[in-house]
Amino acid sequence: MRWEIVILLTMLVYPLAQTAEVHGASDTKTVDGITFAISADSNVLKGDLVAVTLSVKGNWSAFYGYLYYDETTFDSMIGPVYNGYDKTWSGTYYIPDLDIGCYTLTFWAKYWPKDWPFPPWYGPVTVSVQVCVVAPEPTVVLRWLTPVSNRDSFEAGSRIPIRFSVHDDTGNFIRDESVTVTITDETEQSVFSATYGTGRDEVRIRESAEYYIVSWKTPQTPGPYTISVEFQEILVESLLIELR
């Protein structure tokens, strides 16, 4: 009886690496019973608006101020803002078109405490955070190559060259030695795993021909199998396999 492997092929588009995890940055300062605060995401993708939230709360009657980034004034003066019954003021401002790099955002304010003589304005007080504008991670395309791209069955027990190419969204070949190819059975147990190297059972990179290749000795145990390609902890389930 002849065993055969049926492979379902897909072309996958996925991010090679996720964007950096976003952490909030904040700073507060309390003077004369008034708390001034600034907050923003510490990492922002190039092209996105930088959202900055400012707040004033506590024993204030009025304040005015400015938002600076690296000593550049954003927009016009804030205020004067006068306190009615609500003891908290907040506002969110959006800074566009910042180049890649890190910036110090500063909320500068002068204030008038509640029930204090006026004039003069008191202060100033400043609170600051650092925000870094980073480049987006490239989107890459993984494509399967022959023989798996043009055949839908293979004899069990034979060796199959698993070949695939990886390019960015502008068509440039991506060489990444973090590559791992893993094959698991229906119980999600690994039956084959290969990382970058120069041996037949390792994942080799043919940069001049723009593809990755690893040789897999297929099992003869019937059942479904999954071939997965991983780059930098991003796992792609690319081929669903069944022995029959």
Protein backbone atom coordinates (compact mmCIF):
# COMPACT_ATOMS: atom_id res chain seq x y z
CA MET A 1 0.00 0.00 0.00
CA ARG A 2 1.35 3.39 -0.94
CA TRP A 3 1.31 6.20 1.59
CA GLU A 4 0.95 9.73 0.34
CA ILE A 5 1.23 13.18 1.87
CA VAL A 6 -1.25 15.84 0.87
CA ILE A 7 -0.04 19.38 1.51
CA LEU A 8 -2.36 22.38 1.60
CA LEU A 9 -0.41 25.42 0.48
CA THR A 10 -0.95 29.00 1.55
CA MET A 11 0.82 32.29 0.91
CA LEU A 12 1.08 34.30 4.08
CA VAL A 13 1.69 37.98 4.66
CA TYR A 14 2.75 38.81 8.22
CA PRO A 15 4.93 41.16 10.22
CA LEU A 16 8.43 39.80 10.65
CA ALA A 17 8.60 41.36 14.08
CA GLN A 18 6.02 43.03 16.19
CA THR A 19 6.31 46.66 17.01
CA ALA A 20 7.98 47.46 20.26
CA GLU A 21 5.76 47.10 23.27
CA VAL A 22 4.32 50.46 24.22
CA HIS A 23 4.85 51.71 27.77
CA GLY A 24 3.35 54.88 29.14
CA ALA A 25 5.63 57.66 30.34
CA SER A 26 4.43 60.15 32.95
CA ASP A 27 5.62 62.81 35.35
CA THR A 28 3.87 64.70 38.14
CA LYS A 29 4.79 67.52 40.48
CA THR A 30 2.81 69.01 43.36
CA VAL A 31 3.42 72.59 44.48
CA ASP A 32 1.26 74.71 46.79
CA GLY A 33 -1.39 71.98 46.85
CA ILE A 34 -1.65 71.85 43.05
CA THR A 35 -0.62 68.75 41.06
CA PHE A 36 0.64 69.17 37.50
CA ALA A 37 0.98 66.07 35.31
CA ILE A 38 2.04 65.02 31.83
CA SER A 39 1.72 61.60 30.19
CA ALA A 40 2.36 60.06 26.76
CA ASP A 41 3.30 56.77 25.13
CA SER A 42 7.05 56.37 25.37
CA ASN A 43 7.28 54.75 21.90
CA VAL A 44 5.32 55.99 18.89
CA LEU A 45 5.52 54.78 15.28
CA LYS A 46 6.80 57.21 12.67
CA GLY A 47 3.79 58.80 10.97
CA ASP A 48 1.50 58.45 13.99
CA LEU A 49 0.37 61.41 16.04
CA VAL A 50 2.11 61.82 19.40
CA ALA A 51 -0.70 62.13 21.96
CA VAL A 52 0.23 64.09 25.09
CA THR A 53 -2.16 64.49 28.03
CA LEU A 54 -1.75 67.32 30.51
CA SER A 55 -3.66 67.80 33.76
CA VAL A 56 -3.93 70.21 36.68
CA LYS A 57 -5.80 69.37 39.86
CA GLY A 58 -6.00 70.42 43.46
CA ASN A 59 -6.01 73.85 45.03
CA TRP A 60 -5.87 76.02 41.92
CA SER A 61 -7.84 79.04 40.80
CA ALA A 62 -6.16 79.58 37.43
CA PHE A 63 -3.12 78.66 35.37
CA TYR A 64 -1.60 79.18 31.96
CA GLY A 65 1.17 77.30 30.26
CA TYR A 66 2.87 75.86 27.20
CA LEU A 67 3.69 72.44 25.80
CA TYR A 68 7.24 72.14 24.49
CA TYR A 69 9.06 69.36 22.69
CA ASP A 70 12.84 69.78 22.77
CA GLU A 71 12.33 73.49 23.55
CA THR A 72 10.03 73.95 20.53
CA THR A 73 6.63 75.39 21.45
CA PHE A 74 3.70 73.30 20.27
CA ASP A 75 0.69 75.37 19.21
CA SER A 76 -0.19 78.50 21.20
CA MET A 77 -0.37 79.27 24.90
CA ILE A 78 -2.68 77.09 27.00
CA GLY A 79 -5.10 79.29 28.88
CA PRO A 80 -5.38 81.17 31.05
CA VAL A 81 -7.72 78.49 32.39
CA TYR A 82 -9.92 79.43 35.35
CA ASN A 83 -11.24 76.93 37.87
CA GLY A 84 -14.96 76.81 38.44
CA TYR A 85 -16.43 74.02 40.53
CA ASP A 86 -14.32 71.23 39.02
CA LYS A 87 -10.90 71.00 40.64
CA THR A 88 -9.43 68.95 37.77
CA TRP A 89 -8.50 70.18 34.30
CA SER A 90 -7.08 67.95 31.57
CA GLY A 91 -6.38 68.28 27.89
CA THR A 92 -4.89 66.02 25.21
CA TYR A 93 -2.73 67.48 22.46
CA TYR A 94 -1.57 65.73 19.27
CA ILE A 95 1.84 66.49 17.79
CA PRO A 96 2.16 65.49 14.10
CA ASP A 97 5.06 64.78 11.77
CA LEU A 98 7.89 64.16 14.22
CA ASP A 99 10.99 62.58 12.70
CA ILE A 100 12.52 59.38 14.05
CA GLY A 101 14.32 60.13 17.31
CA CYS A 102 13.70 60.83 20.98
CA TYR A 103 12.09 64.02 22.27
CA THR A 104 11.62 65.60 25.68
CA LEU A 105 8.04 66.85 26.09
CA THR A 106 7.59 69.50 28.78
CA PHE A 107 4.50 71.07 30.32
CA TRP A 108 5.49 74.53 31.61
CA ALA A 109 2.93 76.40 33.71
CA LYS A 110 2.38 79.37 35.98
CA TYR A 111 -0.51 79.21 38.43
CA TRP A 112 -2.65 81.03 40.96
CA PRO A 113 -3.56 78.97 44.05
CA LYS A 114 -7.11 79.18 45.36
CA ASP A 115 -7.67 81.95 47.91
CA TRP A 116 -4.17 83.36 47.38
CA PRO A 117 -3.70 87.06 46.53
CA PHE A 118 -3.60 87.86 42.85
CA PRO A 119 -1.56 89.08 41.11
CA PRO A 120 1.13 87.80 40.74
CA TRP A 121 1.21 84.44 38.90
CA TYR A 122 3.24 81.89 40.84
CA GLY A 123 5.79 79.43 39.51
CA PRO A 124 6.77 78.34 36.99
CA VAL A 125 6.50 74.59 37.41
CA THR A 126 7.57 72.02 34.80
CA VAL A 127 6.91 68.31 34.27
CA SER A 128 8.54 66.31 31.47
CA VAL A 129 8.52 62.93 29.73
CA GLN A 130 10.61 61.41 26.97
CA VAL A 131 8.96 60.05 23.83
CA CYS A 132 10.78 58.15 21.09
CA VAL A 133 9.49 58.03 17.51
CA VAL A 134 10.50 54.73 15.92
CA ALA A 135 10.33 53.26 12.43
CA PRO A 136 7.56 50.73 11.76
CA GLU A 137 8.64 47.13 11.46
CA PRO A 138 8.62 45.96 7.83
CA THR A 139 5.83 43.79 6.53
CA VAL A 140 7.22 40.70 4.83
CA VAL A 141 5.85 38.13 2.42
CA LEU A 142 6.59 34.41 2.77
CA ARG A 143 6.12 32.32 -0.38
CA TRP A 144 6.59 28.59 -0.86
CA LEU A 145 8.80 27.38 -3.70
CA THR A 146 9.07 24.13 -5.65
CA PRO A 147 8.54 21.29 -5.10
CA VAL A 148 5.88 22.07 -2.47
CA SER A 149 4.49 24.99 -4.44
CA ASN A 150 3.53 22.93 -7.49
CA ARG A 151 2.85 19.44 -6.10
CA ASP A 152 0.11 18.36 -3.74
CA SER A 153 1.39 14.88 -2.77
CA PHE A 154 4.62 13.18 -1.85
CA GLU A 155 5.60 9.63 -1.03
CA ALA A 156 5.95 9.05 2.68
CA GLY A 157 9.45 8.19 3.84
CA SER A 158 11.05 10.31 1.15
CA ARG A 159 13.03 13.47 1.69
CA ILE A 160 11.30 16.69 0.77
CA PRO A 161 13.24 19.91 0.24
CA ILE A 162 11.19 22.58 1.98
CA ARG A 163 11.96 25.85 0.24
CA PHE A 164 10.52 29.29 0.79
CA SER A 165 11.39 32.91 0.14
CA VAL A 166 10.97 35.91 2.42
CA HIS A 167 10.84 39.45 1.04
CA ASP A 168 9.87 42.80 2.46
CA ASP A 169 7.02 44.88 1.07
CA THR A 170 9.36 46.52 -1.46
CA GLY A 171 10.59 43.19 -2.85
CA ASN A 172 13.94 42.99 -1.10
CA PHE A 173 15.06 39.54 0.07
CA ILE A 174 15.34 39.25 3.86
CA ARG A 175 18.16 37.16 5.32
CA ASP A 176 17.37 36.29 8.93
CA GLU A 177 19.41 33.67 10.76
CA SER A 178 16.84 33.49 13.57
CA VAL A 179 14.76 31.21 11.30
CA THR A 180 13.32 28.00 12.75
CA VAL A 181 11.33 25.37 10.87
CA THR A 182 9.28 23.06 13.09
CA ILE A 183 6.98 20.17 12.18
CA THR A 184 4.42 18.97 14.71
CA ASP A 185 1.90 16.11 14.73
CA GLU A 186 -1.76 16.25 15.66
CA THR A 187 -0.90 16.19 19.37
CA GLU A 188 1.31 19.25 18.83
CA GLN A 189 4.41 17.22 19.57
CA SER A 190 7.46 18.17 17.55
CA VAL A 191 8.61 15.52 15.07
CA PHE A 192 11.18 17.72 13.34
CA SER A 193 12.90 21.00 14.09
CA ALA A 194 15.69 22.84 12.31
CA THR A 195 17.47 26.12 12.84
CA TYR A 196 19.93 28.06 10.71
CA GLY A 197 23.07 26.22 9.69
CA THR A 198 24.98 24.73 6.79
CA GLY A 199 24.05 21.03 7.10
CA ARG A 200 21.36 19.20 5.15
CA ASP A 201 19.14 18.94 8.23
CA GLU A 202 19.59 22.63 9.04
CA VAL A 203 17.91 25.64 7.47
CA ARG A 204 20.28 26.98 4.84
CA ILE A 205 19.97 30.41 3.26
CA ARG A 206 20.72 30.68 -0.45
CA GLU A 207 21.04 34.44 -0.52
CA SER A 208 22.07 34.70 -4.18
CA ALA A 209 18.97 32.71 -5.20
CA GLU A 210 16.85 34.37 -2.52
CA TYR A 211 15.41 31.38 -0.70
CA TYR A 212 15.62 29.25 2.47
CA ILE A 213 15.82 25.45 2.28
CA VAL A 214 15.77 22.52 4.69
CA SER A 215 15.55 18.81 3.88
CA TRP A 216 12.84 16.89 5.74
CA LYS A 217 12.68 13.07 5.98
CA THR A 218 8.92 12.50 6.04
CA PRO A 219 7.44 10.05 8.58
CA GLN A 220 5.19 7.15 7.67
CA THR A 221 2.78 7.56 10.57
CA PRO A 222 -0.63 8.62 9.26
CA GLY A 223 -2.27 11.77 10.58
CA PRO A 224 -2.13 15.55 10.20
CA TYR A 225 1.09 17.52 10.52
CA THR A 226 1.86 21.23 10.64
CA ILE A 227 4.99 22.80 9.20
CA SER A 228 5.75 26.10 10.90
CA VAL A 229 8.26 28.80 10.07
CA GLU A 230 9.39 31.11 12.85
CA PHE A 231 11.34 34.35 12.71
CA GLN A 232 12.26 36.31 15.83
CA GLU A 233 9.53 34.64 17.91
CA ILE A 234 6.85 35.23 15.23
CA LEU A 235 5.35 31.86 14.38
CA VAL A 236 3.64 31.24 11.04
CA GLU A 237 1.61 28.06 10.49
CA SER A 238 2.13 27.72 6.81
CA LEU A 239 1.48 24.16 5.65
CA LEU A 240 -1.15 21.72 6.85
CA ILE A 241 -0.14 18.13 6.08
CA GLU A 242 -2.02 14.85 6.28
CA LEU A 243 -0.71 11.31 5.70
CA ARG A 244 -3.22 9.01 4.09
